[in-house]
């Protein structure tokens, strides 16, 4: 069996052999390539939550009679709504891709 190797700059990172050592597959992300998918997803969910919180805050301030313009409230509410719609579609696509992979393996 072949020992794990490092692929050159911009490569996949460490690999492990499969199929009697003829094919190399990645075993994990190379930390020099940037944030992982999980980190990116956490940031995205946090951004969606922050947009919803900002919209809720502006709505509350508007209802209390503070100096907030209606167009600011509407824009923040629409941004939060679009962010949530995007996150829902992303979830649907990831779920669909997972089911496809499971079906292929069966």
Protein backbone atom coordinates (compact mmCIF):
# COMPACT_ATOMS: atom_id res chain seq x y z
CA UNK A 1 0.00 0.00 0.00
CA UNK A 2 1.21 3.51 -0.82
CA UNK A 3 1.76 6.00 2.02
CA UNK A 4 -0.34 9.23 2.06
CA UNK A 5 1.28 12.02 0.08
CA UNK A 6 0.95 15.78 -0.25
CA UNK A 7 -0.18 17.13 -3.59
CA UNK A 8 1.52 20.28 -4.88
CA UNK A 9 0.34 23.87 -4.38
CA UNK A 10 -3.38 24.25 -4.96
CA UNK A 11 -3.80 20.46 -4.83
CA UNK A 12 -6.16 18.33 -2.84
CA UNK A 13 -4.03 17.81 0.24
CA UNK A 14 -3.35 14.45 1.89
CA UNK A 15 -4.68 11.39 0.09
CA UNK A 16 -5.13 7.71 0.73
CA UNK A 17 -4.94 4.93 -1.83
CA UNK A 18 -7.99 2.94 -2.89
CA UNK A 19 -8.38 0.07 -5.34
CA UNK A 20 -5.02 -1.52 -4.53
CA UNK A 21 -3.15 1.77 -4.58
CA UNK A 22 -3.89 2.78 -8.18
CA UNK A 23 -6.20 5.72 -7.36
CA UNK A 24 -5.55 8.46 -4.79
CA UNK A 25 -8.52 10.15 -3.09
CA UNK A 26 -8.41 13.12 -0.70
CA UNK A 27 -8.74 12.26 3.00
CA UNK A 28 -9.30 15.79 4.25
CA UNK A 29 -9.04 19.45 3.37
CA UNK A 30 -5.69 21.14 3.24
CA UNK A 31 -5.82 23.90 5.86
CA UNK A 32 -3.90 26.26 3.58
CA UNK A 33 -6.82 26.29 1.10
CA UNK A 34 -9.12 28.45 3.25
CA UNK A 35 -12.23 27.85 5.32
CA UNK A 36 -13.94 24.47 5.28
CA UNK A 37 -17.45 23.87 3.98
CA UNK A 38 -18.69 23.60 7.58
CA UNK A 39 -17.15 26.95 8.52
CA UNK A 40 -18.67 28.58 5.45
CA UNK A 41 -22.07 27.10 6.24
CA UNK A 42 -21.92 28.29 9.86
CA UNK A 43 -21.04 31.80 8.68
CA UNK A 44 -23.91 31.78 6.18
CA UNK A 45 -26.44 30.64 8.80
CA UNK A 46 -25.12 33.30 11.17
CA UNK A 47 -25.48 35.97 8.48
CA UNK A 48 -29.09 34.91 7.80
CA UNK A 49 -29.86 35.02 11.51
CA UNK A 50 -28.25 38.46 11.82
CA UNK A 51 -30.32 39.77 8.89
CA UNK A 52 -33.51 38.50 10.54
CA UNK A 53 -32.51 40.03 13.88
CA UNK A 54 -31.76 43.39 12.22
CA UNK A 55 -35.13 43.36 10.44
CA UNK A 56 -36.96 42.50 13.67
CA UNK A 57 -35.10 45.27 15.50
CA UNK A 58 -35.99 47.85 12.83
CA UNK A 59 -39.64 46.74 12.87
CA UNK A 60 -39.76 47.13 16.65
CA UNK A 61 -38.13 50.55 16.53
CA UNK A 62 -40.57 51.67 13.82
CA UNK A 63 -43.58 50.44 15.83
CA UNK A 64 -42.34 52.25 18.95
CA UNK A 65 -42.28 55.50 16.97
CA UNK A 66 -38.50 55.91 16.86
CA UNK A 67 -36.88 57.78 13.99
CA UNK A 68 -36.82 54.91 11.46
CA UNK A 69 -37.98 55.32 7.88
CA UNK A 70 -40.47 52.81 6.49
CA UNK A 71 -38.24 52.11 3.47
CA UNK A 72 -35.44 51.01 5.84
CA UNK A 73 -37.83 48.60 7.55
CA UNK A 74 -39.09 47.23 4.23
CA UNK A 75 -35.58 46.83 2.79
CA UNK A 76 -34.29 45.02 5.89
CA UNK A 77 -37.36 42.78 5.99
CA UNK A 78 -36.99 41.90 2.30
CA UNK A 79 -33.27 41.20 2.71
CA UNK A 80 -33.99 38.86 5.62
CA UNK A 81 -36.70 37.13 3.62
CA UNK A 82 -34.44 36.64 0.59
CA UNK A 83 -31.63 35.34 2.80
CA UNK A 84 -33.96 32.79 4.37
CA UNK A 85 -35.26 31.75 0.94
CA UNK A 86 -31.68 31.27 -0.28
CA UNK A 87 -30.79 29.20 2.77
CA UNK A 88 -33.90 27.04 2.27
CA UNK A 89 -33.01 26.43 -1.38
CA UNK A 90 -29.42 25.60 -0.41
CA UNK A 91 -30.70 23.09 2.13
CA UNK A 92 -32.97 21.54 -0.49
CA UNK A 93 -30.12 21.21 -3.00
CA UNK A 94 -27.76 19.68 -0.43
CA UNK A 95 -30.47 17.24 0.64
CA UNK A 96 -31.15 16.32 -2.98
CA UNK A 97 -27.44 15.79 -3.64
CA UNK A 98 -27.12 13.59 -0.54
CA UNK A 99 -30.09 11.46 -1.60
CA UNK A 100 -28.61 11.11 -5.07
CA UNK A 101 -25.31 9.92 -3.62
CA UNK A 102 -27.07 7.42 -1.38
CA UNK A 103 -29.08 6.14 -4.34
CA UNK A 104 -25.92 5.76 -6.44
CA UNK A 105 -24.24 3.73 -3.67
CA UNK A 106 -27.21 1.37 -3.39
